[in-house]
């Protein structure tokens, strides 16, 4: 079965997904040129996800951007050392949640913050607690907004990037679908920003060594994750029985088309 046929076969499963984790990268909610918050995109994201919840779906948002927003709040404060980054993240996380709470609140939605570190995922008791937290928030129709707890993370408990974090959240929350919103509109056989002959792959049935070889090593200057981390996230969630879609954040309205099963972005099929 070819890529198009596989994509069509998965369309009904995608359009019927009940519990969905959305991951948004820094480049979508912070202007790369200035480092300042993109309020238009934050507001639009809140409206779209609120509307998706109104459809009867359950929504979880994994959001990057705390350090970027924190730098702006602190008027461009340096964040070169670990303590500096942790301090900026602490300020930025408050500001980011304030903006999300404000914009989601305009559509009658309540949000709740969950900050995770790797030990939560690895420790059985803490893992059970966070699973119960997700369950209770979703039961109450509260939208969980998740980020890594950068203000306390050290190497031993640091997840490292929010692509991996979103995969862990999708597994912990027993999601049906993970939608990774990025600055690129899908997965290509090489970098389309540097090679005009790059071909987008509509559907990935299995992540082989060849597929892994297509992934680059880093993303934009404001982001910690590149295509390689997205492939690692796809490997994690598909092995756990969760479909993943990589799509562009340049036009957030396309999220609706993604959830209708239309051929947007790249689908990584669950195993």
Foldseek 3Di string as FASTA:
>chain_A
DDLVVVLVVCLVLLLPWAEEEEEEEQVLQAPPVPLEGPLVSLLVVLVVQLVVVVVNHFYEYEYDHQLSHLCVVVVNDDDDDLQSSLVSSVNSVVVVVVSNQVSNVVVVAAEDEDAAWQVCLVPPVSLVVVLVVLVVCRVVRHHYYYYHNSNPDDPVTHPFFVLQVSLSVCLSPVGQEYEYADADFAQWQADCVVDVPIDHRQEAADCDVSSLVRWDDQDDPRHRDGRNSNVVSLVSNLASVHKYFYGYSPPVVCVVVVSSSHRTYHIYHRD
